[in-house]
Amino acid sequence: MLVICVGWVYTWTLGLNVRRLRRASGERDALLDSGGFSRGMSAKSRRHQKLSSALLFLTVLIMFVGMANTFARTGRLFPGPHLYGAFVMVLAICANVALAPWLREKTELRLFHTAIGGMVILLVFEQLYSGFALCIALVKVFLRK
């Protein structure tokens, strides 16, 4: 999960760099290339999209694997901040992906997209914190036996 956290921070900074690139009018045309499906996109923008897509897949996969593992071991899910944080995080990531087609023409959505990305990073840090606390509690239970 720590690797995914670093990945989200990296892709968020890539997105901020793309935003900065869009604002610089003279440099923009020089840094764009015209290849394939991503015509008119910078290399940073393509990297941001590809890494974000991979992280979306990994985050959703880890969420469902974690829930399946908990259910297989205990026979139920434990409602709490870790479970609710995972649901909100996946919903926020999906909302960000859903905004992607409109980001080129609507500047107000770009700010919203960036804000949701920051919220996702905060939720990932919260998941790390609460997951670490859960791991410590599980180790304590196993050491008592």
Protein backbone atom coordinates (compact mmCIF):
# COMPACT_ATOMS: atom_id res chain seq x y z
CA MET A 1 0.00 0.00 0.00
CA LEU A 2 2.95 2.28 0.60
CA VAL A 3 4.02 1.82 -3.04
CA ILE A 4 0.51 2.77 -4.19
CA CYS A 5 0.65 5.83 -1.94
CA VAL A 6 3.91 6.93 -3.55
CA GLY A 7 2.38 6.25 -6.98
CA TRP A 8 -0.63 8.46 -6.23
CA VAL A 9 1.59 11.29 -5.03
CA TYR A 10 3.73 10.95 -8.17
CA THR A 11 0.77 10.94 -10.56
CA TRP A 12 -0.75 13.92 -8.74
CA THR A 13 2.47 15.90 -9.18
CA LEU A 14 2.54 14.86 -12.85
CA GLY A 15 -0.97 16.24 -13.19
CA LEU A 16 0.06 19.49 -11.54
CA ASN A 17 3.01 19.74 -13.94
CA VAL A 18 0.66 19.21 -16.91
CA ARG A 19 -1.52 21.99 -15.56
CA ARG A 20 1.50 24.27 -15.28
CA LEU A 21 2.47 23.30 -18.85
CA ARG A 22 -0.99 24.23 -20.14
CA ARG A 23 -0.70 27.67 -18.58
CA ALA A 24 2.65 28.36 -20.25
CA SER A 25 1.50 29.25 -23.75
CA GLY A 26 4.86 29.42 -25.55
CA GLU A 27 6.25 26.14 -24.24
CA ARG A 28 3.06 24.19 -24.74
CA ASP A 29 3.27 23.76 -28.49
CA ALA A 30 6.95 22.87 -28.39
CA LEU A 31 6.43 20.06 -25.86
CA LEU A 32 3.43 18.46 -27.50
CA ASP A 33 3.76 15.60 -29.90
CA SER A 34 1.24 14.30 -32.38
CA GLY A 35 1.18 10.55 -32.04
CA GLY A 36 -1.62 7.98 -31.94
CA PHE A 37 -4.69 8.18 -29.75
CA SER A 38 -3.18 10.84 -27.54
CA ARG A 39 -2.71 13.43 -30.27
CA GLY A 40 -1.89 16.81 -28.86
CA MET A 41 -0.91 15.51 -25.41
CA SER A 42 2.44 15.99 -23.74
CA ALA A 43 4.50 13.04 -22.59
CA LYS A 44 3.78 13.99 -18.96
CA SER A 45 0.07 14.03 -19.66
CA ARG A 46 0.18 10.56 -21.22
CA ARG A 47 2.29 9.27 -18.30
CA HIS A 48 -0.22 10.82 -15.87
CA GLN A 49 -3.12 9.06 -17.61
CA LYS A 50 -1.43 5.67 -17.85
CA LEU A 51 -0.14 5.65 -14.29
CA SER A 52 -3.51 6.83 -12.94
CA SER A 53 -5.28 4.03 -14.80
CA ALA A 54 -2.88 1.42 -13.42
CA LEU A 55 -3.26 2.81 -9.89
CA LEU A 56 -7.05 2.76 -10.21
CA PHE A 57 -6.89 -0.94 -11.07
CA LEU A 58 -4.47 -1.76 -8.26
CA THR A 59 -6.40 0.23 -5.67
CA VAL A 60 -9.73 -1.42 -6.51
CA LEU A 61 -8.06 -4.84 -6.64
CA ILE A 62 -6.41 -4.38 -3.24
CA MET A 63 -9.69 -3.14 -1.74
CA PHE A 64 -11.59 -6.22 -2.91
CA VAL A 65 -8.78 -8.62 -1.98
CA GLY A 66 -8.68 -7.10 1.50
CA MET A 67 -12.43 -7.44 1.92
CA ALA A 68 -12.37 -11.03 0.63
CA ASN A 69 -9.50 -11.89 2.97
CA THR A 70 -11.29 -10.43 5.99
CA PHE A 71 -14.53 -12.19 5.10
CA ALA A 72 -12.77 -15.52 4.49
CA ARG A 73 -10.96 -15.38 7.83
CA THR A 74 -13.78 -14.12 10.05
CA GLY A 75 -17.02 -14.67 8.17
CA ARG A 76 -17.96 -10.98 8.25
CA LEU A 77 -16.71 -7.50 7.44
CA PHE A 78 -15.93 -5.06 10.21
CA PRO A 79 -17.47 -1.63 9.60
CA GLY A 80 -15.06 1.07 10.61
CA PRO A 81 -12.85 3.84 9.33
CA HIS A 82 -10.64 1.51 7.27
CA LEU A 83 -13.55 -0.03 5.35
CA TYR A 84 -15.39 3.26 4.88
CA GLY A 85 -12.19 5.01 3.84
CA ALA A 86 -11.60 2.36 1.18
CA PHE A 87 -15.10 2.83 -0.24
CA VAL A 88 -14.79 6.63 -0.34
CA MET A 89 -11.33 6.40 -1.87
CA VAL A 90 -12.48 4.13 -4.69
CA LEU A 91 -15.52 6.33 -5.34
CA ALA A 92 -13.29 9.42 -5.52
CA ILE A 93 -10.89 7.71 -7.92
CA CYS A 94 -13.78 6.64 -10.14
CA ALA A 95 -15.17 10.19 -10.11
CA ASN A 96 -11.77 11.49 -11.18
CA VAL A 97 -11.60 9.01 -14.04
CA ALA A 98 -15.13 9.93 -15.10
CA LEU A 99 -14.08 13.60 -15.37
CA ALA A 100 -11.13 12.82 -17.67
CA PRO A 101 -12.90 13.21 -21.06
CA TRP A 102 -13.99 16.76 -20.24
CA LEU A 103 -10.71 18.04 -18.81
CA ARG A 104 -9.41 19.45 -22.09
CA GLU A 105 -12.18 21.95 -22.64
CA LYS A 106 -13.57 22.79 -19.19
CA THR A 107 -11.10 24.57 -16.94
CA GLU A 108 -13.36 24.57 -13.87
CA LEU A 109 -13.42 20.76 -13.97
CA ARG A 110 -9.61 20.69 -13.94
CA LEU A 111 -9.56 22.38 -10.55
CA PHE A 112 -12.19 19.94 -9.26
CA HIS A 113 -10.17 17.03 -10.69
CA THR A 114 -7.05 18.27 -8.88
CA ALA A 115 -8.96 18.71 -5.61
CA ILE A 116 -10.35 15.17 -5.81
CA GLY A 117 -6.81 13.92 -6.49
CA GLY A 118 -5.59 15.63 -3.33
CA MET A 119 -8.47 14.07 -1.39
CA VAL A 120 -7.50 10.63 -2.73
CA ILE A 121 -3.94 11.13 -1.48
CA LEU A 122 -5.24 12.09 1.98
CA LEU A 123 -7.48 9.01 1.98
CA VAL A 124 -4.54 6.79 1.01
CA PHE A 125 -2.54 8.17 3.95
CA GLU A 126 -5.54 7.52 6.20
CA GLN A 127 -5.72 3.96 4.88
CA LEU A 128 -2.03 3.47 5.66
CA TYR A 129 -2.51 4.77 9.19
CA SER A 130 -5.63 2.76 9.99
CA GLY A 131 -4.27 -0.36 8.25
CA PHE A 132 -1.08 -0.17 10.28
CA ALA A 133 -3.16 0.11 13.46
CA LEU A 134 -5.18 -2.95 12.40
CA CYS A 135 -2.00 -4.92 11.73
CA ILE A 136 -0.65 -4.07 15.18
CA ALA A 137 -3.94 -5.15 16.78
CA LEU A 138 -3.86 -8.47 14.86
CA VAL A 139 -0.26 -9.14 15.91
CA LYS A 140 -1.18 -8.48 19.54
CA VAL A 141 -4.08 -10.95 19.31
CA PHE A 142 -1.86 -13.64 17.78
CA LEU A 143 0.88 -13.10 20.38
CA ARG A 144 -1.60 -13.65 23.22
CA LYS A 145 -2.53 -17.10 21.93
